Protein backbone atom coordinates (compact mmCIF):
# COMPACT_ATOMS: atom_id res chain seq x y z
CA MET A 1 1.32 -27.74 8.72
CA THR A 2 4.10 -27.42 7.74
CA THR A 3 7.46 -25.95 9.87
CA ARG A 4 9.32 -24.48 7.30
CA ARG A 5 9.99 -21.01 7.87
CA PHE A 6 9.91 -18.31 4.31
CA ARG A 7 13.96 -17.55 3.63
CA LEU A 8 13.07 -13.52 3.06
CA ALA A 9 10.91 -13.26 5.56
CA THR A 10 12.90 -10.27 6.85
CA VAL A 11 13.27 -8.81 3.76
CA LEU A 12 8.82 -8.99 3.51
CA ARG A 13 8.68 -7.22 7.09
CA VAL A 14 11.39 -4.72 6.21
CA ARG A 15 9.06 -3.83 2.64
CA ARG A 16 6.29 -3.72 4.58
CA ALA A 17 7.55 -1.07 7.24
CA GLN A 18 8.27 0.30 4.12
CA GLU A 19 4.95 0.51 2.69
CA ASP A 20 3.09 1.78 5.84
CA GLU A 21 5.68 4.89 5.69
CA ALA A 22 5.37 5.23 2.50
CA ARG A 23 1.47 5.41 2.79
CA ALA A 24 2.46 7.52 5.76
CA GLU A 25 3.75 10.41 3.71
CA LEU A 26 1.07 9.60 1.50
CA LEU A 27 -1.42 10.29 3.63
CA ARG A 28 1.21 13.64 5.06
CA ALA A 29 1.09 15.42 1.76
CA ASN A 30 -2.36 14.49 1.11
CA LEU A 31 -3.43 16.68 4.18
CA ARG A 32 -0.84 19.05 2.96
CA LEU A 33 -2.77 19.39 -0.10
CA ARG A 34 -5.96 19.64 2.21
CA ALA A 35 -4.87 22.65 4.30
CA ALA A 36 -3.04 23.81 0.96
CA ARG A 37 -6.83 23.96 -0.42
CA ASP A 38 -7.56 25.93 2.21
CA GLU A 39 -5.81 28.42 2.93
CA GLN A 40 -5.96 29.05 -0.65
CA GLU A 41 -9.63 29.81 0.08
CA ARG A 42 -9.92 31.50 2.89
CA THR A 43 -7.26 34.09 0.87
CA ALA A 44 -9.55 34.07 -2.78
CA LEU A 45 -12.77 34.69 0.36
CA ARG A 46 -10.65 37.59 2.79
CA TYR A 47 -9.61 39.69 -1.35
CA ARG A 48 -13.00 38.84 -2.55
CA THR A 49 -14.31 40.58 0.51
CA LEU A 50 -12.56 43.24 0.36
CA PRO A 51 -14.19 46.86 -0.23
CA THR A 52 -13.57 48.77 -3.56
CA SER A 53 -14.84 52.18 -4.71
CA ALA A 54 -16.88 52.92 -6.73
CA GLY A 55 -17.04 56.08 -8.66
CA VAL A 56 -14.17 58.47 -9.32
CA VAL A 57 -12.39 58.90 -5.43
CA PRO A 58 -9.27 60.44 -5.29
CA ARG A 59 -5.11 59.48 -6.27
CA ALA A 60 -4.50 58.43 -2.71
CA VAL A 61 -7.33 56.49 -2.73
CA LEU A 62 -6.97 54.74 -6.25
CA VAL A 63 -3.56 54.42 -5.67
CA ARG A 64 -3.83 52.62 -2.54
CA GLU A 65 -6.74 50.41 -4.04
CA LEU A 66 -4.24 49.23 -6.81
CA ALA A 67 -2.09 48.42 -3.80
CA ALA A 68 -4.44 45.94 -2.33
CA ALA A 69 -4.93 44.34 -5.38
CA THR A 70 -2.22 43.86 -6.85
CA LEU A 71 -1.20 42.20 -3.02
CA ALA A 72 -4.07 40.49 -2.93
CA ALA A 73 -3.61 39.04 -6.82
CA SER A 74 -0.08 38.26 -6.00
CA THR A 75 -0.60 36.45 -2.76
CA LEU A 76 -3.89 33.75 -4.52
CA ALA A 77 -0.82 33.07 -7.00
CA ALA A 78 1.79 32.12 -4.37
CA ALA A 79 -1.07 30.31 -2.91
CA GLY A 80 -2.79 28.73 -6.07
CA GLN A 81 1.62 27.39 -6.57
CA ARG A 82 1.32 25.79 -3.32
CA VAL A 83 -1.40 24.32 -4.02
CA VAL A 84 0.27 22.89 -7.39
CA ARG A 85 3.72 22.02 -5.25
CA ALA A 86 0.97 20.21 -2.72
CA ALA A 87 -0.74 18.01 -5.46
CA GLU A 88 2.60 17.62 -7.22
CA GLU A 89 3.81 15.58 -3.90
CA VAL A 90 0.80 13.61 -3.50
CA ALA A 91 1.01 11.66 -7.50
CA GLY A 92 4.85 11.39 -5.93
CA ALA A 93 4.20 10.14 -2.82
CA HIS A 94 1.32 8.31 -4.58
CA ALA A 95 4.09 6.98 -6.94
CA ALA A 96 6.18 5.48 -4.05
CA TRP A 97 3.42 4.33 -2.18
CA SER A 98 1.98 1.66 -5.71
CA ARG A 99 5.77 0.76 -6.16
CA ALA A 100 6.69 -0.48 -2.46
CA ALA A 101 2.92 -1.63 -2.20
CA GLN A 102 3.80 -3.99 -5.55
CA ARG A 103 6.73 -5.17 -4.03
CA VAL A 104 5.50 -6.21 -0.93
CA GLU A 105 2.82 -7.80 -3.20
CA ALA A 106 5.89 -9.65 -5.18
CA LEU A 107 7.36 -10.96 -2.11
CA GLU A 108 3.56 -11.77 -0.67
CA ARG A 109 3.17 -13.86 -3.94
CA LEU A 110 6.31 -15.74 -3.15
CA ALA A 111 5.23 -16.73 0.23
CA ARG A 112 2.13 -18.18 -0.74
CA ARG A 113 3.89 -20.19 -3.26
CA ARG A 114 6.07 -21.62 -1.26
CA LEU A 115 4.52 -22.47 1.09
CA ASP A 116 2.36 -24.56 -1.68
CA GLU A 117 4.85 -26.44 -2.34
CA ALA A 118 5.22 -27.20 1.41
CA LEU A 119 1.93 -28.09 1.90
CA ALA A 120 2.05 -30.22 -1.35
CA ASP A 121 4.96 -31.81 -0.33
CA GLU A 122 4.22 -32.52 2.49
CA ALA A 123 0.45 -33.69 1.11
CA ARG A 124 2.47 -36.28 -1.28
CA ALA A 125 4.11 -37.32 1.49
CA GLU A 126 1.64 -38.33 3.48
CA ALA A 127 0.07 -39.48 0.64
CA SER A 128 3.89 -41.74 0.33
CA ALA A 129 3.13 -42.90 4.49
CA ILE A 130 -1.00 -44.53 3.91
CA ASP A 131 0.50 -46.10 0.94
CA ASP A 132 3.31 -47.87 2.32
CA LEU A 133 1.01 -49.16 5.13
CA VAL A 134 -1.57 -49.81 3.24
CA THR A 135 0.98 -52.36 1.26
CA ALA A 136 2.37 -53.49 4.56
CA ARG A 137 -1.12 -54.81 5.36
CA TRP A 138 -2.00 -56.43 2.97
CA THR A 139 1.23 -57.77 2.49
CA SER A 140 0.96 -59.49 6.10
CA THR A 141 -2.38 -59.62 5.09
CA ALA A 142 -1.55 -62.07 2.55
CA LEU A 143 1.39 -64.14 4.25
CA SER A 144 -0.77 -64.47 6.80
CA ALA A 145 -3.35 -65.73 4.64
CA THR A 146 -0.80 -68.11 2.40
CA SER A 147 0.54 -69.54 5.84
CA SER A 148 -2.47 -70.34 7.06
CA GLU A 149 -3.29 -72.35 3.73
CA VAL A 150 -0.38 -74.20 3.84
CA ARG A 151 -0.33 -75.07 7.36
CA ALA A 152 -4.05 -76.30 6.09
CA SER A 153 -2.58 -79.15 4.12
């Protein structure tokens, strides 16, 4: 195995840490979105269950119910806006995580390429060494055979 060190290993560690942080931020953004949606649902349910008067009612009751309905509508609208903002945060966090993951992937591909090149260099060096050993052994055997023939004559 090769003992060569990838020169960008430190950069790769930093990029992985950045990717992990981006992934954690994406998780937090998703949790905020879920909480905003849950709050929107609770708010909608709470205002759907408000009692309303039927038929002819005194003016004070009508004004009170109208104020409650207006408050409910504005509260639901605010909850909807929080959901929209949370969804936008999720989209931004996802884009940031995607960019970080792409940077890590690019460095990992480069590291794999460098490792493959180093392994190929080692394999070539090993094949060359084996060829040298075989050639030396053949030369030694051939010289021994030639010297034996010369002595025999």
